[in-house]
N, C-alpha and C. Protein backbone atom coordinates (compact mmCIF):
# COMPACT_ATOMS: atom_id res chain seq x y z
N MET A 1 3.33 9.63 -17.37
CA MET A 1 2.77 9.13 -16.13
C MET A 1 3.30 9.98 -14.99
N SER A 2 2.45 10.36 -14.09
CA SER A 2 2.87 11.16 -12.95
C SER A 2 3.55 10.28 -11.91
N ASP A 3 4.37 10.91 -11.08
CA ASP A 3 5.05 10.17 -10.02
C ASP A 3 4.08 9.95 -8.87
N GLN A 4 3.62 8.71 -8.70
CA GLN A 4 2.67 8.39 -7.64
C GLN A 4 3.37 8.02 -6.34
N SER A 5 4.68 7.83 -6.39
CA SER A 5 5.38 7.28 -5.24
C SER A 5 5.29 8.16 -4.00
N SER A 6 4.99 9.44 -4.16
CA SER A 6 4.91 10.32 -3.00
C SER A 6 3.47 10.64 -2.62
N GLN A 7 2.51 9.97 -3.23
CA GLN A 7 1.11 10.26 -2.97
C GLN A 7 0.54 9.32 -1.92
N ASN A 8 0.14 9.89 -0.78
CA ASN A 8 -0.55 9.12 0.24
C ASN A 8 -2.03 9.10 -0.08
N VAL A 9 -2.71 8.08 0.38
CA VAL A 9 -4.14 7.94 0.15
C VAL A 9 -4.84 7.93 1.50
N GLU A 10 -5.79 8.82 1.69
CA GLU A 10 -6.59 8.87 2.91
C GLU A 10 -7.79 7.94 2.72
N TYR A 11 -8.01 7.07 3.71
CA TYR A 11 -9.10 6.09 3.60
C TYR A 11 -9.61 5.73 4.99
N ARG A 12 -10.85 6.04 5.26
CA ARG A 12 -11.55 5.67 6.49
C ARG A 12 -10.79 6.08 7.76
N GLY A 13 -10.18 7.26 7.73
CA GLY A 13 -9.47 7.77 8.89
C GLY A 13 -8.02 7.33 9.00
N TYR A 14 -7.54 6.60 8.02
CA TYR A 14 -6.16 6.13 7.99
C TYR A 14 -5.44 6.73 6.79
N SER A 15 -4.13 6.82 6.87
CA SER A 15 -3.31 7.24 5.73
C SER A 15 -2.57 6.01 5.20
N ILE A 16 -2.69 5.79 3.92
CA ILE A 16 -2.00 4.69 3.26
C ILE A 16 -0.82 5.28 2.49
N VAL A 17 0.36 4.76 2.76
CA VAL A 17 1.58 5.19 2.08
C VAL A 17 2.04 4.03 1.20
N PRO A 18 1.73 4.07 -0.10
CA PRO A 18 2.16 2.99 -0.99
C PRO A 18 3.68 2.95 -1.11
N LYS A 19 4.26 1.75 -1.02
CA LYS A 19 5.71 1.60 -1.11
C LYS A 19 6.06 0.36 -1.92
N PRO A 20 5.68 0.34 -3.21
CA PRO A 20 6.05 -0.82 -4.03
C PRO A 20 7.56 -0.95 -4.13
N VAL A 21 8.04 -2.19 -4.25
CA VAL A 21 9.47 -2.44 -4.37
C VAL A 21 9.74 -3.29 -5.61
N GLN A 22 10.88 -3.03 -6.23
CA GLN A 22 11.23 -3.79 -7.41
C GLN A 22 11.97 -5.05 -6.98
N GLY A 23 11.51 -6.17 -7.53
CA GLY A 23 12.12 -7.46 -7.20
C GLY A 23 12.89 -8.02 -8.38
N HIS A 24 12.96 -9.33 -8.43
CA HIS A 24 13.69 -10.02 -9.50
C HIS A 24 12.95 -9.90 -10.83
N ASP A 25 13.68 -10.04 -11.91
CA ASP A 25 13.11 -10.04 -13.26
C ASP A 25 12.36 -8.75 -13.58
N ASP A 26 12.76 -7.64 -12.97
CA ASP A 26 12.14 -6.34 -13.21
C ASP A 26 10.66 -6.29 -12.86
N LEU A 27 10.22 -7.16 -11.96
CA LEU A 27 8.83 -7.14 -11.51
C LEU A 27 8.71 -6.29 -10.24
N TRP A 28 7.55 -5.69 -10.07
CA TRP A 28 7.27 -4.84 -8.91
C TRP A 28 6.36 -5.59 -7.95
N HIS A 29 6.64 -5.49 -6.65
CA HIS A 29 5.84 -6.14 -5.62
C HIS A 29 5.14 -5.08 -4.77
N ASP A 30 3.96 -5.45 -4.29
CA ASP A 30 3.20 -4.53 -3.44
C ASP A 30 3.95 -4.25 -2.15
N GLY A 31 3.74 -3.07 -1.64
CA GLY A 31 4.27 -2.68 -0.34
C GLY A 31 3.53 -1.44 0.12
N TYR A 32 3.31 -1.34 1.42
CA TYR A 32 2.60 -0.17 1.94
C TYR A 32 2.80 -0.05 3.43
N GLN A 33 2.50 1.14 3.93
CA GLN A 33 2.46 1.41 5.36
C GLN A 33 1.13 2.07 5.64
N ILE A 34 0.52 1.70 6.76
CA ILE A 34 -0.75 2.29 7.17
C ILE A 34 -0.50 3.10 8.44
N LEU A 35 -0.95 4.35 8.43
CA LEU A 35 -0.77 5.26 9.56
C LEU A 35 -2.13 5.70 10.09
N LYS A 36 -2.19 5.93 11.40
CA LYS A 36 -3.38 6.52 12.02
C LYS A 36 -2.88 7.57 12.98
N GLY A 37 -3.25 8.81 12.74
CA GLY A 37 -2.79 9.90 13.60
C GLY A 37 -1.28 10.05 13.59
N GLY A 38 -0.64 9.71 12.48
CA GLY A 38 0.80 9.83 12.34
C GLY A 38 1.59 8.64 12.85
N ALA A 39 0.92 7.70 13.53
CA ALA A 39 1.61 6.51 14.05
C ALA A 39 1.38 5.32 13.12
N SER A 40 2.41 4.55 12.91
CA SER A 40 2.30 3.37 12.06
C SER A 40 1.49 2.29 12.76
N VAL A 41 0.51 1.73 12.06
CA VAL A 41 -0.27 0.63 12.62
C VAL A 41 -0.04 -0.67 11.85
N SER A 42 0.54 -0.58 10.66
CA SER A 42 0.81 -1.77 9.87
C SER A 42 1.77 -1.43 8.73
N SER A 43 2.54 -2.43 8.33
CA SER A 43 3.46 -2.24 7.22
C SER A 43 3.67 -3.58 6.53
N ARG A 44 3.62 -3.58 5.22
CA ARG A 44 3.85 -4.79 4.42
C ARG A 44 4.83 -4.43 3.32
N THR A 45 5.77 -5.33 3.05
CA THR A 45 6.71 -5.09 1.96
C THR A 45 6.95 -6.38 1.20
N ASN A 46 7.29 -6.21 -0.07
CA ASN A 46 7.69 -7.32 -0.92
C ASN A 46 6.72 -8.49 -0.86
N THR A 47 5.46 -8.21 -1.11
CA THR A 47 4.44 -9.26 -1.07
C THR A 47 4.61 -10.20 -2.26
N GLU A 48 3.84 -11.25 -2.26
CA GLU A 48 3.89 -12.24 -3.34
C GLU A 48 3.29 -11.71 -4.64
N SER A 49 2.48 -10.67 -4.58
CA SER A 49 1.90 -10.08 -5.79
C SER A 49 3.00 -9.44 -6.62
N ALA A 50 3.03 -9.74 -7.91
CA ALA A 50 4.06 -9.18 -8.79
C ALA A 50 3.41 -8.51 -9.99
N HIS A 51 3.98 -7.38 -10.39
CA HIS A 51 3.42 -6.58 -11.48
C HIS A 51 4.53 -6.15 -12.41
N SER A 52 4.17 -5.93 -13.66
CA SER A 52 5.19 -5.56 -14.65
C SER A 52 5.51 -4.07 -14.63
N THR A 53 4.66 -3.25 -13.99
CA THR A 53 4.91 -1.81 -13.95
C THR A 53 4.77 -1.27 -12.53
N LEU A 54 5.46 -0.17 -12.27
CA LEU A 54 5.34 0.51 -10.99
C LEU A 54 3.91 1.00 -10.78
N HIS A 55 3.30 1.51 -11.83
CA HIS A 55 1.92 2.02 -11.72
C HIS A 55 0.97 0.93 -11.23
N ALA A 56 1.07 -0.26 -11.82
CA ALA A 56 0.20 -1.37 -11.42
C ALA A 56 0.47 -1.77 -9.96
N ALA A 57 1.73 -1.79 -9.57
CA ALA A 57 2.09 -2.14 -8.19
C ALA A 57 1.59 -1.08 -7.21
N PHE A 58 1.65 0.18 -7.59
CA PHE A 58 1.14 1.26 -6.76
C PHE A 58 -0.36 1.06 -6.51
N ASP A 59 -1.12 0.86 -7.60
CA ASP A 59 -2.57 0.68 -7.48
C ASP A 59 -2.90 -0.55 -6.65
N SER A 60 -2.20 -1.64 -6.88
CA SER A 60 -2.45 -2.87 -6.13
C SER A 60 -2.11 -2.71 -4.66
N SER A 61 -1.02 -2.01 -4.38
CA SER A 61 -0.62 -1.75 -2.98
C SER A 61 -1.72 -1.01 -2.25
N VAL A 62 -2.29 0.00 -2.89
CA VAL A 62 -3.37 0.78 -2.27
C VAL A 62 -4.59 -0.11 -2.02
N GLU A 63 -4.94 -0.94 -2.99
CA GLU A 63 -6.12 -1.81 -2.84
C GLU A 63 -5.92 -2.83 -1.71
N PHE A 64 -4.75 -3.43 -1.62
CA PHE A 64 -4.48 -4.36 -0.52
C PHE A 64 -4.51 -3.63 0.83
N ALA A 65 -3.97 -2.43 0.89
CA ALA A 65 -3.98 -1.67 2.14
C ALA A 65 -5.41 -1.30 2.53
N LYS A 66 -6.25 -0.98 1.56
CA LYS A 66 -7.65 -0.66 1.87
C LYS A 66 -8.36 -1.86 2.50
N ILE A 67 -8.06 -3.05 2.02
CA ILE A 67 -8.66 -4.26 2.61
C ILE A 67 -8.20 -4.41 4.06
N GLU A 68 -6.92 -4.15 4.30
CA GLU A 68 -6.42 -4.24 5.67
C GLU A 68 -7.06 -3.17 6.56
N VAL A 69 -7.24 -1.96 6.03
CA VAL A 69 -7.91 -0.90 6.80
C VAL A 69 -9.35 -1.31 7.10
N ASP A 70 -10.05 -1.87 6.13
CA ASP A 70 -11.42 -2.34 6.37
C ASP A 70 -11.45 -3.35 7.52
N ASN A 71 -10.47 -4.25 7.55
CA ASN A 71 -10.39 -5.24 8.62
C ASN A 71 -10.09 -4.57 9.97
N LEU A 72 -9.20 -3.59 9.98
CA LEU A 72 -8.89 -2.86 11.22
C LEU A 72 -10.13 -2.14 11.74
N VAL A 73 -10.87 -1.49 10.83
CA VAL A 73 -12.09 -0.77 11.24
C VAL A 73 -13.12 -1.75 11.80
N ALA A 74 -13.26 -2.91 11.16
CA ALA A 74 -14.23 -3.91 11.63
C ALA A 74 -13.86 -4.43 13.04
N LEU A 75 -12.57 -4.56 13.30
CA LEU A 75 -12.13 -5.07 14.60
C LEU A 75 -12.29 -4.04 15.71
N THR A 76 -12.17 -2.77 15.35
CA THR A 76 -12.24 -1.71 16.38
C THR A 76 -13.61 -1.06 16.46
N GLY A 77 -14.48 -1.37 15.52
CA GLY A 77 -15.79 -0.72 15.47
C GLY A 77 -16.85 -1.39 16.17
């Protein structure tokens, strides 16, 4: 498996920086930061979503961040 932890995702003019964190019982929780033009517009850490692998938490973090970006675009558009 490749190291996804350093991979940012560009989506609708925003940069998503996935930041999953390991919690209790070796479970991984979603976490991410959303940037626009290099400035942080949102950040979430240690969400209630729990995953058994870092890969699953990475993918889930990106999907949750995309939903938040969609909401940001809808509010500003």
